[in-house]
Amino acid sequence: MSDKKGTGFKSVVLSALSAAFGVQKRSNLERDFHKGKPAQFIIAGIVGTLLFVLILITVVHMVTQNP
């Protein structure tokens, strides 16, 4: 990845997941602030949150179903 290029899809997803769990490295945080676009991380956060909620709803629905 060149210095002029922004962060890639994989980088954005991994950064959003790391930030969600609170375990992101300082070097990655600085890279994201210098090279990344805020919209990328906002979208990744919203999509990740929606997926998490949908998975929880699905699991709860499956567990509470009558056999």
N, C-alpha and C. Protein backbone atom coordinates (compact mmCIF):
# COMPACT_ATOMS: atom_id res chain seq x y z
N MET A 1 0.85 -1.17 0.00
CA MET A 1 0.00 0.00 0.00
C MET A 1 0.90 1.23 0.00
N SER A 2 0.70 2.14 -0.90
CA SER A 2 1.52 3.35 -0.96
C SER A 2 1.06 4.36 0.08
N ASP A 3 1.91 5.34 0.36
CA ASP A 3 1.59 6.35 1.35
C ASP A 3 0.47 7.28 0.90
N LYS A 4 0.27 7.43 -0.40
CA LYS A 4 -0.74 8.34 -0.91
C LYS A 4 -2.12 7.71 -0.93
N LYS A 5 -2.18 6.41 -0.88
CA LYS A 5 -3.44 5.68 -0.98
C LYS A 5 -4.11 5.59 0.39
N GLY A 6 -5.43 5.60 0.42
CA GLY A 6 -6.17 5.47 1.67
C GLY A 6 -6.15 4.03 2.15
N THR A 7 -6.86 3.79 3.21
CA THR A 7 -6.93 2.44 3.76
C THR A 7 -7.83 1.59 2.88
N GLY A 8 -7.53 0.29 2.79
CA GLY A 8 -8.30 -0.62 1.98
C GLY A 8 -9.48 -1.21 2.75
N PHE A 9 -10.27 -1.97 2.04
CA PHE A 9 -11.47 -2.57 2.62
C PHE A 9 -11.13 -3.45 3.83
N LYS A 10 -10.12 -4.31 3.65
CA LYS A 10 -9.73 -5.21 4.73
C LYS A 10 -9.26 -4.43 5.96
N SER A 11 -8.50 -3.40 5.74
CA SER A 11 -8.00 -2.56 6.82
C SER A 11 -9.14 -1.89 7.59
N VAL A 12 -10.11 -1.38 6.85
CA VAL A 12 -11.24 -0.71 7.47
C VAL A 12 -12.05 -1.69 8.31
N VAL A 13 -12.32 -2.87 7.77
CA VAL A 13 -13.10 -3.88 8.50
C VAL A 13 -12.36 -4.32 9.76
N LEU A 14 -11.07 -4.62 9.63
CA LEU A 14 -10.29 -5.04 10.79
C LEU A 14 -10.19 -3.94 11.84
N SER A 15 -10.04 -2.71 11.41
CA SER A 15 -9.98 -1.60 12.35
C SER A 15 -11.31 -1.41 13.08
N ALA A 16 -12.41 -1.53 12.34
CA ALA A 16 -13.73 -1.39 12.97
C ALA A 16 -13.97 -2.50 13.98
N LEU A 17 -13.59 -3.73 13.64
CA LEU A 17 -13.75 -4.85 14.58
C LEU A 17 -12.87 -4.68 15.81
N SER A 18 -11.63 -4.26 15.58
CA SER A 18 -10.70 -4.05 16.70
C SER A 18 -11.22 -2.94 17.61
N ALA A 19 -11.70 -1.88 17.03
CA ALA A 19 -12.23 -0.77 17.82
C ALA A 19 -13.47 -1.19 18.61
N ALA A 20 -14.30 -2.04 18.01
CA ALA A 20 -15.50 -2.51 18.70
C ALA A 20 -15.15 -3.30 19.96
N PHE A 21 -14.05 -4.06 19.89
CA PHE A 21 -13.62 -4.84 21.05
C PHE A 21 -12.65 -4.08 21.94
N GLY A 22 -12.19 -2.91 21.48
CA GLY A 22 -11.29 -2.08 22.27
C GLY A 22 -9.86 -2.57 22.32
N VAL A 23 -9.40 -3.26 21.27
CA VAL A 23 -8.06 -3.83 21.27
C VAL A 23 -7.21 -3.36 20.10
N GLN A 24 -7.51 -2.20 19.55
CA GLN A 24 -6.79 -1.73 18.38
C GLN A 24 -5.40 -1.20 18.77
N LYS A 25 -4.41 -1.50 17.93
CA LYS A 25 -3.04 -1.02 18.16
C LYS A 25 -2.96 0.48 17.91
N ARG A 26 -2.07 1.12 18.63
CA ARG A 26 -1.88 2.57 18.47
C ARG A 26 -1.43 2.91 17.04
N SER A 27 -0.55 2.07 16.46
CA SER A 27 -0.06 2.34 15.10
C SER A 27 -1.20 2.27 14.09
N ASN A 28 -2.11 1.33 14.27
CA ASN A 28 -3.27 1.23 13.36
C ASN A 28 -4.21 2.42 13.53
N LEU A 29 -4.38 2.85 14.77
CA LEU A 29 -5.23 4.01 15.04
C LEU A 29 -4.67 5.25 14.34
N GLU A 30 -3.38 5.46 14.46
CA GLU A 30 -2.75 6.61 13.81
C GLU A 30 -2.83 6.51 12.29
N ARG A 31 -2.64 5.30 11.75
CA ARG A 31 -2.76 5.10 10.30
C ARG A 31 -4.17 5.45 9.82
N ASP A 32 -5.16 4.99 10.59
CA ASP A 32 -6.55 5.25 10.21
C ASP A 32 -6.86 6.75 10.21
N PHE A 33 -6.35 7.46 11.21
CA PHE A 33 -6.61 8.90 11.29
C PHE A 33 -5.89 9.68 10.19
N HIS A 34 -4.73 9.21 9.77
CA HIS A 34 -3.97 9.93 8.76
C HIS A 34 -4.38 9.57 7.34
N LYS A 35 -4.70 8.32 7.08
CA LYS A 35 -4.98 7.87 5.72
C LYS A 35 -6.44 7.59 5.43
N GLY A 36 -7.19 7.25 6.46
CA GLY A 36 -8.57 6.82 6.24
C GLY A 36 -9.55 7.98 6.11
N LYS A 37 -10.67 7.67 5.52
CA LYS A 37 -11.77 8.63 5.40
C LYS A 37 -12.81 8.28 6.46
N PRO A 38 -13.32 9.26 7.18
CA PRO A 38 -14.29 8.98 8.24
C PRO A 38 -15.51 8.19 7.76
N ALA A 39 -15.98 8.47 6.55
CA ALA A 39 -17.17 7.79 6.04
C ALA A 39 -16.96 6.28 5.97
N GLN A 40 -15.75 5.84 5.63
CA GLN A 40 -15.47 4.41 5.55
C GLN A 40 -15.69 3.74 6.91
N PHE A 41 -15.20 4.37 7.96
CA PHE A 41 -15.29 3.78 9.28
C PHE A 41 -16.70 3.88 9.86
N ILE A 42 -17.41 4.95 9.53
CA ILE A 42 -18.79 5.10 9.97
C ILE A 42 -19.65 4.01 9.33
N ILE A 43 -19.49 3.81 8.04
CA ILE A 43 -20.26 2.78 7.33
C ILE A 43 -19.92 1.39 7.87
N ALA A 44 -18.63 1.12 8.07
CA ALA A 44 -18.21 -0.18 8.61
C ALA A 44 -18.80 -0.41 9.99
N GLY A 45 -18.83 0.62 10.81
CA GLY A 45 -19.40 0.50 12.16
C GLY A 45 -20.90 0.24 12.13
N ILE A 46 -21.60 0.94 11.26
CA ILE A 46 -23.06 0.75 11.14
C ILE A 46 -23.37 -0.65 10.62
N VAL A 47 -22.67 -1.08 9.58
CA VAL A 47 -22.90 -2.41 9.01
C VAL A 47 -22.55 -3.49 10.04
N GLY A 48 -21.45 -3.33 10.73
CA GLY A 48 -21.06 -4.30 11.76
C GLY A 48 -22.07 -4.39 12.89
N THR A 49 -22.58 -3.24 13.31
CA THR A 49 -23.59 -3.21 14.37
C THR A 49 -24.89 -3.88 13.92
N LEU A 50 -25.30 -3.58 12.69
CA LEU A 50 -26.52 -4.21 12.17
C LEU A 50 -26.37 -5.73 12.06
N LEU A 51 -25.22 -6.19 11.60
CA LEU A 51 -24.99 -7.63 11.52
C LEU A 51 -25.01 -8.27 12.90
N PHE A 52 -24.40 -7.62 13.87
CA PHE A 52 -24.37 -8.13 15.24
C PHE A 52 -25.79 -8.24 15.79
N VAL A 53 -26.60 -7.21 15.61
CA VAL A 53 -27.98 -7.23 16.11
C VAL A 53 -28.80 -8.30 15.40
N LEU A 54 -28.64 -8.44 14.09
CA LEU A 54 -29.39 -9.47 13.35
C LEU A 54 -28.99 -10.88 13.79
N ILE A 55 -27.72 -11.08 14.06
CA ILE A 55 -27.27 -12.39 14.55
C ILE A 55 -27.87 -12.67 15.93
N LEU A 56 -27.87 -11.66 16.81
CA LEU A 56 -28.47 -11.85 18.13
C LEU A 56 -29.96 -12.17 18.04
N ILE A 57 -30.66 -11.45 17.19
CA ILE A 57 -32.10 -11.70 17.02
C ILE A 57 -32.33 -13.11 16.50
N THR A 58 -31.53 -13.54 15.55
CA THR A 58 -31.67 -14.89 14.98
C THR A 58 -31.40 -15.96 16.04
N VAL A 59 -30.35 -15.79 16.81
CA VAL A 59 -30.02 -16.77 17.85
C VAL A 59 -31.12 -16.83 18.90
N VAL A 60 -31.60 -15.68 19.35
CA VAL A 60 -32.67 -15.67 20.35
C VAL A 60 -33.93 -16.31 19.79
N HIS A 61 -34.23 -16.04 18.55
CA HIS A 61 -35.42 -16.63 17.91
C HIS A 61 -35.28 -18.16 17.84
N MET A 62 -34.10 -18.63 17.47
CA MET A 62 -33.88 -20.07 17.36
C MET A 62 -33.95 -20.76 18.72
N VAL A 63 -33.43 -20.12 19.76
CA VAL A 63 -33.42 -20.71 21.09
C VAL A 63 -34.81 -20.73 21.71
N THR A 64 -35.61 -19.71 21.44
CA THR A 64 -36.92 -19.61 22.08
C THR A 64 -38.04 -20.29 21.29
N GLN A 65 -37.75 -20.86 20.15
CA GLN A 65 -38.77 -21.56 19.38
C GLN A 65 -39.20 -22.82 20.12
N ASN A 66 -40.48 -23.13 20.03
CA ASN A 66 -40.99 -24.38 20.60
C ASN A 66 -40.69 -25.52 19.64
N PRO A 67 -40.14 -26.64 20.16
CA PRO A 67 -39.81 -27.76 19.28
C PRO A 67 -41.00 -28.49 18.73
